[in-house]
Amino acid sequence: MQTELLTSPNYYNNHWSNGNQEEPNIPLDPRFWSRNDVATWLRHMAESHHLPDVPTDRFIMNGKALCLMTVTMFLDRVPLGGKLLYKDFQLRLARAMYHSDPYLEY
């Protein structure tokens, strides 16, 4: 299931437009996430993708630190779901960087 999500060309569109899943109340730009925002995102991802609980003590960092992580680093912390977390984070980051105007509605 995870592989299908990651390789699907529609993952980005389905993920962002899924009306059934409410997005967490965190900044749209992951570079501005606090440690609490990272924990909120991890809980949201675990719930919405039916992953086992992600130990937040493995991610005691803010969004800028997450930007420096590779897929291997995610997998080291979360073997089941690490690729999905990495992909979702990279999509959020790319979206934020593409829409660099903070007043732009997206």
PDB file of N, CA and C in Angstrom:
ATOM      1  N   MET A   1       0.818  -1.195   0.000  1.00  0.00           N
ATOM      2  CA  MET A   1       0.000   0.000   0.000  1.00  0.00           C
ATOM      3  C   MET A   1       0.863   1.260   0.000  1.00  0.00           C
ATOM      4  N   GLN A   2       1.899   1.287   0.858  1.00  0.00           N
ATOM      5  CA  GLN A   2       2.766   2.459   0.884  1.00  0.00           C
ATOM      6  C   GLN A   2       3.454   2.661  -0.452  1.00  0.00           C
ATOM      7  N   THR A   3       3.945   1.573  -1.027  1.00  0.00           N
ATOM      8  CA  THR A   3       4.639   1.682  -2.296  1.00  0.00           C
ATOM      9  C   THR A   3       3.705   2.233  -3.365  1.00  0.00           C
ATOM     10  N   GLU A   4       2.451   1.771  -3.351  1.00  0.00           N
ATOM     11  CA  GLU A   4       1.496   2.267  -4.337  1.00  0.00           C
ATOM     12  C   GLU A   4       1.278   3.760  -4.176  1.00  0.00           C
ATOM     13  N   LEU A   5       1.197   4.220  -2.926  1.00  0.00           N
ATOM     14  CA  LEU A   5       1.010   5.652  -2.696  1.00  0.00           C
ATOM     15  C   LEU A   5       2.205   6.451  -3.187  1.00  0.00           C
ATOM     16  N   LEU A   6       3.386   5.934  -2.898  1.00  0.00           N
ATOM     17  CA  LEU A   6       4.590   6.684  -3.245  1.00  0.00           C
ATOM     18  C   LEU A   6       4.852   6.710  -4.742  1.00  0.00           C
ATOM     19  N   THR A   7       4.474   5.652  -5.433  1.00  0.00           N
ATOM     20  CA  THR A   7       4.770   5.608  -6.857  1.00  0.00           C
ATOM     21  C   THR A   7       3.626   6.125  -7.709  1.00  0.00           C
ATOM     22  N   SER A   8       2.479   6.339  -7.113  1.00  0.00           N
ATOM     23  CA  SER A   8       1.336   6.833  -7.863  1.00  0.00           C
ATOM     24  C   SER A   8       1.569   8.274  -8.289  1.00  0.00           C
ATOM     25  N   PRO A   9       1.366   8.581  -9.576  1.00  0.00           N
ATOM     26  CA  PRO A   9       1.549   9.966 -10.014  1.00  0.00           C
ATOM     27  C   PRO A   9       0.508  10.893  -9.406  1.00  0.00           C
ATOM     28  N   ASN A  10      -0.585  10.336  -8.886  1.00  0.00           N
ATOM     29  CA  ASN A  10      -1.642  11.155  -8.304  1.00  0.00           C
ATOM     30  C   ASN A  10      -1.526  11.291  -6.791  1.00  0.00           C
ATOM     31  N   TYR A  11      -0.465  10.756  -6.185  1.00  0.00           N
ATOM     32  CA  TYR A  11      -0.337  10.832  -4.732  1.00  0.00           C
ATOM     33  C   TYR A  11      -0.426  12.271  -4.246  1.00  0.00           C
ATOM     34  N   TYR A  12       0.310  13.142  -4.894  1.00  0.00           N
ATOM     35  CA  TYR A  12       0.337  14.541  -4.469  1.00  0.00           C
ATOM     36  C   TYR A  12      -1.066  15.146  -4.523  1.00  0.00           C
ATOM     37  N   ASN A  13      -1.750  14.975  -5.638  1.00  0.00           N
ATOM     38  CA  ASN A  13      -3.077  15.557  -5.783  1.00  0.00           C
ATOM     39  C   ASN A  13      -4.087  14.917  -4.848  1.00  0.00           C
ATOM     40  N   ASN A  14      -4.069  13.600  -4.732  1.00  0.00           N
ATOM     41  CA  ASN A  14      -5.007  12.926  -3.848  1.00  0.00           C
ATOM     42  C   ASN A  14      -4.753  13.293  -2.396  1.00  0.00           C
ATOM     43  N   HIS A  15      -3.513  13.374  -2.035  1.00  0.00           N
ATOM     44  CA  HIS A  15      -3.178  13.674  -0.648  1.00  0.00           C
ATOM     45  C   HIS A  15      -3.658  15.069  -0.258  1.00  0.00           C
ATOM     46  N   TRP A  16      -3.440  16.026  -1.111  1.00  0.00           N
ATOM     47  CA  TRP A  16      -3.766  17.402  -0.747  1.00  0.00           C
ATOM     48  C   TRP A  16      -5.245  17.718  -0.924  1.00  0.00           C
ATOM     49  N   SER A  17      -5.927  16.990  -1.744  1.00  0.00           N
ATOM     50  CA  SER A  17      -7.318  17.327  -2.000  1.00  0.00           C
ATOM     51  C   SER A  17      -8.296  16.374  -1.337  1.00  0.00           C
ATOM     52  N   ASN A  18      -7.805  15.448  -0.524  1.00  0.00           N
ATOM     53  CA  ASN A  18      -8.667  14.477   0.118  1.00  0.00           C
ATOM     54  C   ASN A  18      -9.551  15.181   1.140  1.00  0.00           C
ATOM     55  N   GLY A  19     -10.824  15.299   0.827  1.00  0.00           N
ATOM     56  CA  GLY A  19     -11.746  16.002   1.705  1.00  0.00           C
ATOM     57  C   GLY A  19     -12.037  15.263   2.986  1.00  0.00           C
ATOM     58  N   ASN A  20     -11.728  13.959   3.045  1.00  0.00           N
ATOM     59  CA  ASN A  20     -12.005  13.183   4.243  1.00  0.00           C
ATOM     60  C   ASN A  20     -10.948  13.375   5.314  1.00  0.00           C
ATOM     61  N   GLN A  21      -9.763  13.760   4.935  1.00  0.00           N
ATOM     62  CA  GLN A  21      -8.678  13.921   5.887  1.00  0.00           C
ATOM     63  C   GLN A  21      -8.450  15.397   6.171  1.00  0.00           C
ATOM     64  N   GLU A  22      -8.648  15.772   7.402  1.00  0.00           N
ATOM     65  CA  GLU A  22      -8.402  17.158   7.782  1.00  0.00           C
ATOM     66  C   GLU A  22      -6.909  17.336   8.020  1.00  0.00           C
ATOM     67  N   GLU A  23      -6.366  18.378   7.435  1.00  0.00           N
ATOM     68  CA  GLU A  23      -4.937  18.649   7.605  1.00  0.00           C
ATOM     69  C   GLU A  23      -4.669  19.102   9.036  1.00  0.00           C
ATOM     70  N   PRO A  24      -3.487  18.778   9.561  1.00  0.00           N
ATOM     71  CA  PRO A  24      -3.162  19.219  10.924  1.00  0.00           C
ATOM     72  C   PRO A  24      -3.010  20.738  10.973  1.00  0.00           C
ATOM     73  N   ASN A  25      -3.208  21.296  12.128  1.00  0.00           N
ATOM     74  CA  ASN A  25      -3.110  22.742  12.325  1.00  0.00           C
ATOM     75  C   ASN A  25      -1.648  23.118  12.566  1.00  0.00           C
ATOM     76  N   ILE A  26      -0.885  23.130  11.481  1.00  0.00           N
ATOM     77  CA  ILE A  26       0.540  23.480  11.526  1.00  0.00           C
ATOM     78  C   ILE A  26       0.821  24.398  10.341  1.00  0.00           C
ATOM     79  N   PRO A  27       1.925  25.153  10.397  1.00  0.00           N
ATOM     80  CA  PRO A  27       2.255  26.019   9.251  1.00  0.00           C
ATOM     81  C   PRO A  27       2.374  25.213   7.955  1.00  0.00           C
ATOM     82  N   LEU A  28       1.959  25.807   6.851  1.00  0.00           N
ATOM     83  CA  LEU A  28       2.054  25.140   5.556  1.00  0.00           C
ATOM     84  C   LEU A  28       3.504  24.917   5.142  1.00  0.00           C
ATOM     85  N   ASP A  29       4.389  25.804   5.560  1.00  0.00           N
ATOM     86  CA  ASP A  29       5.809  25.687   5.216  1.00  0.00           C
ATOM     87  C   ASP A  29       6.526  24.923   6.331  1.00  0.00           C
ATOM     88  N   PRO A  30       6.985  23.705   6.048  1.00  0.00           N
ATOM     89  CA  PRO A  30       7.637  22.892   7.073  1.00  0.00           C
ATOM     90  C   PRO A  30       8.911  23.516   7.652  1.00  0.00           C
ATOM     91  N   ARG A  31       9.493  24.446   6.937  1.00  0.00           N
ATOM     92  CA  ARG A  31      10.708  25.085   7.460  1.00  0.00           C
ATOM     93  C   ARG A  31      10.416  25.914   8.704  1.00  0.00           C
ATOM     94  N   PHE A  32       9.145  26.233   8.943  1.00  0.00           N
ATOM     95  CA  PHE A  32       8.759  27.018  10.107  1.00  0.00           C
ATOM     96  C   PHE A  32       8.139  26.177  11.213  1.00  0.00           C
ATOM     97  N   TRP A  33       8.197  24.854  11.084  1.00  0.00           N
ATOM     98  CA  TRP A  33       7.621  23.989  12.105  1.00  0.00           C
ATOM     99  C   TRP A  33       8.457  23.999  13.372  1.00  0.00           C
ATOM    100  N   SER A  34       7.774  24.037  14.491  1.00  0.00           N
ATOM    101  CA  SER A  34       8.416  23.874  15.796  1.00  0.00           C
ATOM    102  C   SER A  34       8.497  22.375  16.098  1.00  0.00           C
ATOM    103  N   ARG A  35       9.097  22.029  17.229  1.00  0.00           N
ATOM    104  CA  ARG A  35       9.125  20.619  17.637  1.00  0.00           C
ATOM    105  C   ARG A  35       7.709  20.087  17.816  1.00  0.00           C
ATOM    106  N   ASN A  36       6.835  20.914  18.382  1.00  0.00           N
ATOM    107  CA  ASN A  36       5.445  20.494  18.578  1.00  0.00           C
ATOM    108  C   ASN A  36       4.741  20.284  17.241  1.00  0.00           C
ATOM    109  N   ASP A  37       5.041  21.131  16.256  1.00  0.00           N
ATOM    110  CA  ASP A  37       4.447  20.964  14.928  1.00  0.00           C
ATOM    111  C   ASP A  37       4.896  19.649  14.298  1.00  0.00           C
ATOM    112  N   VAL A  38       6.162  19.306  14.468  1.00  0.00           N
ATOM    113  CA  VAL A  38       6.675  18.039  13.938  1.00  0.00           C
ATOM    114  C   VAL A  38       5.933  16.871  14.587  1.00  0.00           C
ATOM    115  N   ALA A  39       5.748  16.929  15.904  1.00  0.00           N
ATOM    116  CA  ALA A  39       5.019  15.867  16.614  1.00  0.00           C
ATOM    117  C   ALA A  39       3.575  15.787  16.127  1.00  0.00           C
ATOM    118  N   THR A  40       2.945  16.929  15.896  1.00  0.00           N
ATOM    119  CA  THR A  40       1.569  16.957  15.391  1.00  0.00           C
ATOM    120  C   THR A  40       1.505  16.321  14.008  1.00  0.00           C
ATOM    121  N   TRP A  41       2.440  16.655  13.142  1.00  0.00           N
ATOM    122  CA  TRP A  41       2.493  16.085  11.797  1.00  0.00           C
ATOM    123  C   TRP A  41       2.687  14.565  11.860  1.00  0.00           C
ATOM    124  N   LEU A  42       3.582  14.104  12.737  1.00  0.00           N
ATOM    125  CA  LEU A  42       3.823  12.665  12.866  1.00  0.00           C
ATOM    126  C   LEU A  42       2.558  11.934  13.318  1.00  0.00           C
ATOM    127  N   ARG A  43       1.845  12.496  14.292  1.00  0.00           N
ATOM    128  CA  ARG A  43       0.592  11.877  14.753  1.00  0.00           C
ATOM    129  C   ARG A  43      -0.441  11.851  13.627  1.00  0.00           C
ATOM    130  N   HIS A  44      -0.531  12.965  12.910  1.00  0.00           N
ATOM    131  CA  HIS A  44      -1.476  13.042  11.782  1.00  0.00           C
ATOM    132  C   HIS A  44      -1.158  11.991  10.734  1.00  0.00           C
ATOM    133  N   MET A  45       0.090  11.857  10.385  1.00  0.00           N
ATOM    134  CA  MET A  45       0.479  10.891   9.360  1.00  0.00           C
ATOM    135  C   MET A  45       0.200   9.463   9.822  1.00  0.00           C
ATOM    136  N   ALA A  46       0.499   9.162  11.068  1.00  0.00           N
ATOM    137  CA  ALA A  46       0.247   7.814  11.586  1.00  0.00           C
ATOM    138  C   ALA A  46      -1.246   7.505  11.564  1.00  0.00           C
ATOM    139  N   GLU A  47      -2.064   8.461  11.961  1.00  0.00           N
ATOM    140  CA  GLU A  47      -3.514   8.245  11.981  1.00  0.00           C
ATOM    141  C   GLU A  47      -4.090   8.143  10.570  1.00  0.00           C
ATOM    142  N   SER A  48      -3.717   9.065   9.710  1.00  0.00           N
ATOM    143  CA  SER A  48      -4.334   9.107   8.384  1.00  0.00           C
ATOM    144  C   SER A  48      -3.869   7.984   7.459  1.00  0.00           C
ATOM    145  N   HIS A  49      -2.708   7.401   7.730  1.00  0.00           N
ATOM    146  CA  HIS A  49      -2.193   6.325   6.881  1.00  0.00           C
ATOM    147  C   HIS A  49      -2.150   4.982   7.615  1.00  0.00           C
ATOM    148  N   HIS A  50      -2.769   4.936   8.773  1.00  0.00           N
ATOM    149  CA  HIS A  50      -2.874   3.700   9.553  1.00  0.00           C
ATOM    150  C   HIS A  50      -1.510   3.076   9.825  1.00  0.00           C
ATOM    151  N   LEU A  51      -0.564   3.930  10.211  1.00  0.00           N
ATOM    152  CA  LEU A  51       0.764   3.462  10.577  1.00  0.00           C
ATOM    153  C   LEU A  51       0.800   3.203  12.081  1.00  0.00           C
ATOM    154  N   PRO A  52       1.734   2.374  12.540  1.00  0.00           N
ATOM    155  CA  PRO A  52       1.923   2.262  13.985  1.00  0.00           C
ATOM    156  C   PRO A  52       2.331   3.629  14.540  1.00  0.00           C
ATOM    157  N   ASP A  53       2.080   3.853  15.812  1.00  0.00           N
ATOM    158  CA  ASP A  53       2.471   5.130  16.416  1.00  0.00           C
ATOM    159  C   ASP A  53       3.954   5.389  16.171  1.00  0.00           C
ATOM    160  N   VAL A  54       4.249   6.587  15.734  1.00  0.00           N
ATOM    161  CA  VAL A  54       5.632   6.984  15.468  1.00  0.00           C
ATOM    162  C   VAL A  54       6.187   7.565  16.763  1.00  0.00           C
ATOM    163  N   PRO A  55       7.262   6.981  17.305  1.00  0.00           N
ATOM    164  CA  PRO A  55       7.845   7.517  18.542  1.00  0.00           C
ATOM    165  C   PRO A  55       8.397   8.927  18.305  1.00  0.00           C
ATOM    166  N   THR A  56       7.749   9.916  18.903  1.00  0.00           N
ATOM    167  CA  THR A  56       8.166  11.300  18.671  1.00  0.00           C
ATOM    168  C   THR A  56       9.544  11.590  19.262  1.00  0.00           C
ATOM    169  N   ASP A  57      10.003  10.745  20.199  1.00  0.00           N
ATOM    170  CA  ASP A  57      11.339  10.977  20.752  1.00  0.00           C
ATOM    171  C   ASP A  57      12.437  10.715  19.722  1.00  0.00           C
ATOM    172  N   ARG A  58      12.073  10.112  18.609  1.00  0.00           N
ATOM    173  CA  ARG A  58      13.036   9.913  17.520  1.00  0.00           C
ATOM    174  C   ARG A  58      13.085  11.118  16.583  1.00  0.00           C
ATOM    175  N   PHE A  59      12.199  12.056  16.831  1.00  0.00           N
ATOM    176  CA  PHE A  59      12.122  13.269  15.993  1.00  0.00           C
ATOM    177  C   PHE A  59      12.071  14.507  16.877  1.00  0.00           C
ATOM    178  N   ILE A  60      12.972  14.604  17.825  1.00  0.00           N
ATOM    179  CA  ILE A  60      13.028  15.790  18.683  1.00  0.00           C
ATOM    180  C   ILE A  60      13.805  16.858  17.917  1.00  0.00           C
ATOM    181  N   MET A  61      13.079  17.483  16.988  1.00  0.00           N
ATOM    182  CA  MET A  61      13.695  18.472  16.108  1.00  0.00           C
ATOM    183  C   MET A  61      12.604  19.335  15.499  1.00  0.00           C
ATOM    184  N   ASN A  62      13.029  20.444  14.941  1.00  0.00           N
ATOM    185  CA  ASN A  62      12.068  21.329  14.263  1.00  0.00           C
ATOM    186  C   ASN A  62      12.075  21.023  12.757  1.00  0.00           C
ATOM    187  N   GLY A  63      11.292  21.785  12.022  1.00  0.00           N
ATOM    188  CA  GLY A  63      11.170  21.564  10.591  1.00  0.00           C
ATOM    189  C   GLY A  63      12.460  21.773   9.825  1.00  0.00           C
ATOM    190  N   LYS A  64      13.275  22.721  10.261  1.00  0.00           N
ATOM    191  CA  LYS A  64      14.545  22.956   9.558  1.00  0.00           C
ATOM    192  C   LYS A  64      15.458  21.738   9.670  1.00  0.00           C
ATOM    193  N   ALA A  65      15.427  21.085  10.813  1.00  0.00           N
ATOM    194  CA  ALA A  65      16.234  19.873  10.973  1.00  0.00           C
ATOM    195  C   ALA A  65      15.686  18.743  10.109  1.00  0.00           C
ATOM    196  N   LEU A  66      14.363  18.645   9.983  1.00  0.00           N
ATOM    197  CA  LEU A  66      13.773  17.630   9.112  1.00  0.00           C
ATOM    198  C   LEU A  66      14.203  17.840   7.663  1.00  0.00           C
ATOM    199  N   CYS A  67      14.399  19.084   7.270  1.00  0.00           N
ATOM    200  CA  CYS A  67      14.830  19.389   5.898  1.00  0.00           C
ATOM    201  C   CYS A  67      16.180  18.752   5.578  1.00  0.00           C
ATOM    202  N   LEU A  68      16.992  18.534   6.580  1.00  0.00           N
ATOM    203  CA  LEU A  68      18.329  17.982   6.377  1.00  0.00           C
ATOM    204  C   LEU A  68      18.344  16.456   6.356  1.00  0.00           C
ATOM    205  N   MET A  69      17.204  15.845   6.672  1.00  0.00           N
ATOM    206  CA  MET A  69      17.155  14.388   6.756  1.00  0.00           C
ATOM    207  C   MET A  69      16.984  13.741   5.386  1.00  0.00           C
ATOM    208  N   THR A  70      17.658  12.633   5.198  1.00  0.00           N
ATOM    209  CA  THR A  70      17.528  11.835   3.978  1.00  0.00           C
ATOM    210  C   THR A  70      16.479  10.756   4.210  1.00  0.00           C
ATOM    211  N   VAL A  71      16.114  10.067   3.145  1.00  0.00           N
ATOM    212  CA  VAL A  71      15.157   8.975   3.280  1.00  0.00           C
ATOM    213  C   VAL A  71      15.717   7.890   4.203  1.00  0.00           C
ATOM    214  N   THR A  72      17.009   7.653   4.141  1.00  0.00           N
ATOM    215  CA  THR A  72      17.640   6.655   5.018  1.00  0.00           C
ATOM    216  C   THR A  72      17.499   7.050   6.479  1.00  0.00           C
ATOM    217  N   MET A  73      17.628   8.326   6.769  1.00  0.00           N
ATOM    218  CA  MET A  73      17.492   8.791   8.148  1.00  0.00           C
ATOM    219  C   MET A  73      16.053   8.591   8.648  1.00  0.00           C
ATOM    220  N   PHE A  74      15.080   8.827   7.767  1.00  0.00           N
ATOM    221  CA  PHE A  74      13.695   8.561   8.144  1.00  0.00           C
ATOM    222  C   PHE A  74      13.500   7.070   8.400  1.00  0.00           C
ATOM    223  N   LEU A  75      14.045   6.225   7.518  1.00  0.00           N
ATOM    224  CA  LEU A  75      13.904   4.780   7.661  1.00  0.00           C
ATOM    225  C   LEU A  75      14.595   4.258   8.914  1.00  0.00           C
ATOM    226  N   ASP A  76      15.716   4.860   9.288  1.00  0.00           N
ATOM    227  CA  ASP A  76      16.395   4.454  10.517  1.00  0.00           C
ATOM    228  C   ASP A  76      15.513   4.720  11.738  1.00  0.00           C
ATOM    229  N   ARG A  77      14.747   5.803  11.698  1.00  0.00           N
ATOM    230  CA  ARG A  77      13.890   6.169  12.818  1.00  0.00           C
ATOM    231  C   ARG A  77      12.547   5.441  12.791  1.00  0.00           C
ATOM    232  N   VAL A  78      12.016   5.231  11.576  1.00  0.00           N
ATOM    233  CA  VAL A  78      10.706   4.600  11.415  1.00  0.00           C
ATOM    234  C   VAL A  78      10.792   3.599  10.266  1.00  0.00           C
ATOM    235  N   PRO A  79      11.189   2.353  10.573  1.00  0.00           N
ATOM    236  CA  PRO A  79      11.313   1.363   9.495  1.00  0.00           C
ATOM    237  C   PRO A  79      10.011   1.122   8.732  1.00  0.00           C
ATOM    238  N   LEU A  80       8.887   1.107   9.423  1.00  0.00           N
ATOM    239  CA  LEU A  80       7.600   0.914   8.759  1.00  0.00           C
ATOM    240  C   LEU A  80       6.922   2.274   8.632  1.00  0.00           C
ATOM    241  N   GLY A  81       7.041   2.872   7.467  1.00  0.00           N
ATOM    242  CA  GLY A  81       6.423   4.167   7.221  1.00  0.00           C
ATOM    243  C   GLY A  81       7.413   5.292   6.992  1.00  0.00           C
ATOM    244  N   GLY A  82       8.689   5.016   7.118  1.00  0.00           N
ATOM    245  CA  GLY A  82       9.696   6.055   6.940  1.00  0.00           C
ATOM    246  C   GLY A  82       9.693   6.663   5.550  1.00  0.00           C
ATOM    247  N   LYS A  83       9.522   5.829   4.535  1.00  0.00           N
ATOM    248  CA  LYS A  83       9.482   6.344   3.158  1.00  0.00           C
ATOM    249  C   LYS A  83       8.267   7.222   2.938  1.00  0.00           C
ATOM    250  N   LEU A  84       7.151   6.824   3.507  1.00  0.00           N
ATOM    251  CA  LEU A  84       5.929   7.608   3.376  1.00  0.00           C
ATOM    252  C   LEU A  84       6.083   8.963   4.068  1.00  0.00           C
ATOM    253  N   LEU A  85       6.673   8.967   5.259  1.00  0.00           N
ATOM    254  CA  LEU A  85       6.911  10.229   5.967  1.00  0.00           C
ATOM    255  C   LEU A  85       7.836  11.131   5.160  1.00  0.00           C
ATOM    256  N   TYR A  86       8.903  10.549   4.647  1.00  0.00           N
ATOM    257  CA  TYR A  86       9.864  11.318   3.859  1.00  0.00           C
ATOM    258  C   TYR A  86       9.199  11.931   2.633  1.00  0.00           C
ATOM    259  N   LYS A  87       8.430  11.119   1.916  1.00  0.00           N
ATOM    260  CA  LYS A  87       7.774  11.594   0.696  1.00  0.00           C
ATOM    261  C   LYS A  87       6.783  12.714   1.018  1.00  0.00           C
ATOM    262  N   ASP A  88       5.984  12.518   2.061  1.00  0.00           N
ATOM    263  CA  ASP A  88       5.013  13.539   2.434  1.00  0.00           C
ATOM    264  C   ASP A  88       5.725  14.835   2.828  1.00  0.00           C
ATOM    265  N   PHE A  89       6.787  14.705   3.609  1.00  0.00           N
ATOM    266  CA  PHE A  89       7.527  15.901   4.022  1.00  0.00           C
ATOM    267  C   PHE A  89       8.105  16.620   2.807  1.00  0.00           C
ATOM    268  N   GLN A  90       8.704  15.875   1.883  1.00  0.00           N
ATOM    269  CA  GLN A  90       9.305  16.494   0.701  1.00  0.00           C
ATOM    270  C   GLN A  90       8.245  17.175  -0.166  1.00  0.00           C
ATOM    271  N   LEU A  91       7.070  16.579  -0.265  1.00  0.00           N
ATOM    272  CA  LEU A  91       5.986  17.207  -1.034  1.00  0.00           C
ATOM    273  C   LEU A  91       5.533  18.504  -0.371  1.00  0.00           C
ATOM    274  N   ARG A  92       5.412  18.485   0.945  1.00  0.00           N
ATOM    275  CA  ARG A  92       5.026  19.706   1.668  1.00  0.00           C
ATOM    276  C   ARG A  92       6.092  20.791   1.500  1.00  0.00           C
ATOM    277  N   LEU A  93       7.349  20.390   1.585  1.00  0.00           N
ATOM    278  CA  LEU A  93       8.444  21.345   1.432  1.00  0.00           C
ATOM    279  C   LEU A  93       8.471  21.920   0.018  1.00  0.00           C
ATOM    280  N   ALA A  94       8.342  21.075  -0.980  1.00  0.00           N
ATOM    281  CA  ALA A  94       8.344  21.539  -2.367  1.00  0.00           C
ATOM    282  C   ALA A  94       7.173  22.475  -2.622  1.00  0.00           C
ATOM    283  N   ARG A  95       6.036  22.125  -2.077  1.00  0.00           N
ATOM    284  CA  ARG A  95       4.855  22.971  -2.261  1.00  0.00           C
ATOM    285  C   ARG A  95       5.075  24.343  -1.624  1.00  0.00           C
ATOM    286  N   ALA A  96       5.653  24.359  -0.444  1.00  0.00           N
ATOM    287  CA  ALA A  96       5.920  25.624   0.246  1.00  0.00           C
ATOM    288  C   ALA A  96       6.952  26.453  -0.519  1.00  0.00           C
ATOM    289  N   MET A  97       7.965  25.803  -1.063  1.00  0.00           N
ATOM    290  CA  MET A  97       9.002  26.528  -1.789  1.00  0.00           C
ATOM    291  C   MET A  97       8.475  27.032  -3.132  1.00  0.00           C
ATOM    292  N   TYR A  98       7.587  26.254  -3.753  1.00  0.00           N
ATOM    293  CA  TYR A  98       7.007  26.672  -5.025  1.00  0.00           C
ATOM    294  C   TYR A  98       6.111  27.888  -4.828  1.00  0.00           C
ATOM    295  N   HIS A  99       5.381  27.885  -3.735  1.00  0.00           N
ATOM    296  CA  HIS A  99       4.511  29.010  -3.390  1.00  0.00           C
ATOM    297  C   HIS A  99       5.219  29.844  -2.326  1.00  0.00           C
ATOM    298  N   SER A 100       6.273  30.510  -2.719  1.00  0.00           N
ATOM    299  CA  SER A 100       7.103  31.216  -1.748  1.00  0.00           C
ATOM    300  C   SER A 100       6.472  32.493  -1.220  1.00  0.00           C
ATOM    301  N   ASP A 101       5.403  32.976  -1.853  1.00  0.00           N
ATOM    302  CA  ASP A 101       4.728  34.170  -1.366  1.00  0.00           C
ATOM    303  C   ASP A 101       3.862  33.782  -0.164  1.00  0.00           C
ATOM    304  N   PRO A 102       4.231  34.234   1.055  1.00  0.00           N
ATOM    305  CA  PRO A 102       3.471  33.810   2.244  1.00  0.00           C
ATOM    306  C   PRO A 102       2.028  34.296   2.242  1.00  0.00           C
ATOM    307  N   TYR A 103       1.716  35.279   1.410  1.00  0.00           N
ATOM    308  CA  TYR A 103       0.342  35.797   1.364  1.00  0.00           C
ATOM    309  C   TYR A 103      -0.478  35.126   0.273  1.00  0.00           C
ATOM    310  N   LEU A 104       0.179  34.240  -0.493  1.00  0.00           N
ATOM    311  CA  LEU A 104      -0.500  33.543  -1.564  1.00  0.00           C
ATOM    312  C   LEU A 104      -1.394  32.468  -0.958  1.00  0.00           C
ATOM    313  N   GLU A 105      -2.626  32.424  -1.369  1.00  0.00           N
ATOM    314  CA  GLU A 105      -3.581  31.442  -0.864  1.00  0.00           C
ATOM    315  C   GLU A 105      -3.429  30.152  -1.660  1.00  0.00           C
ATOM    316  N   TYR A 106      -3.145  29.046  -0.975  1.00  0.00           N
ATOM    317  CA  TYR A 106      -3.072  27.743  -1.643  1.00  0.00           C
ATOM    318  C   TYR A 106      -3.554  26.666  -0.775  1.00  0.00           C
TER     319      TYR A 106
END
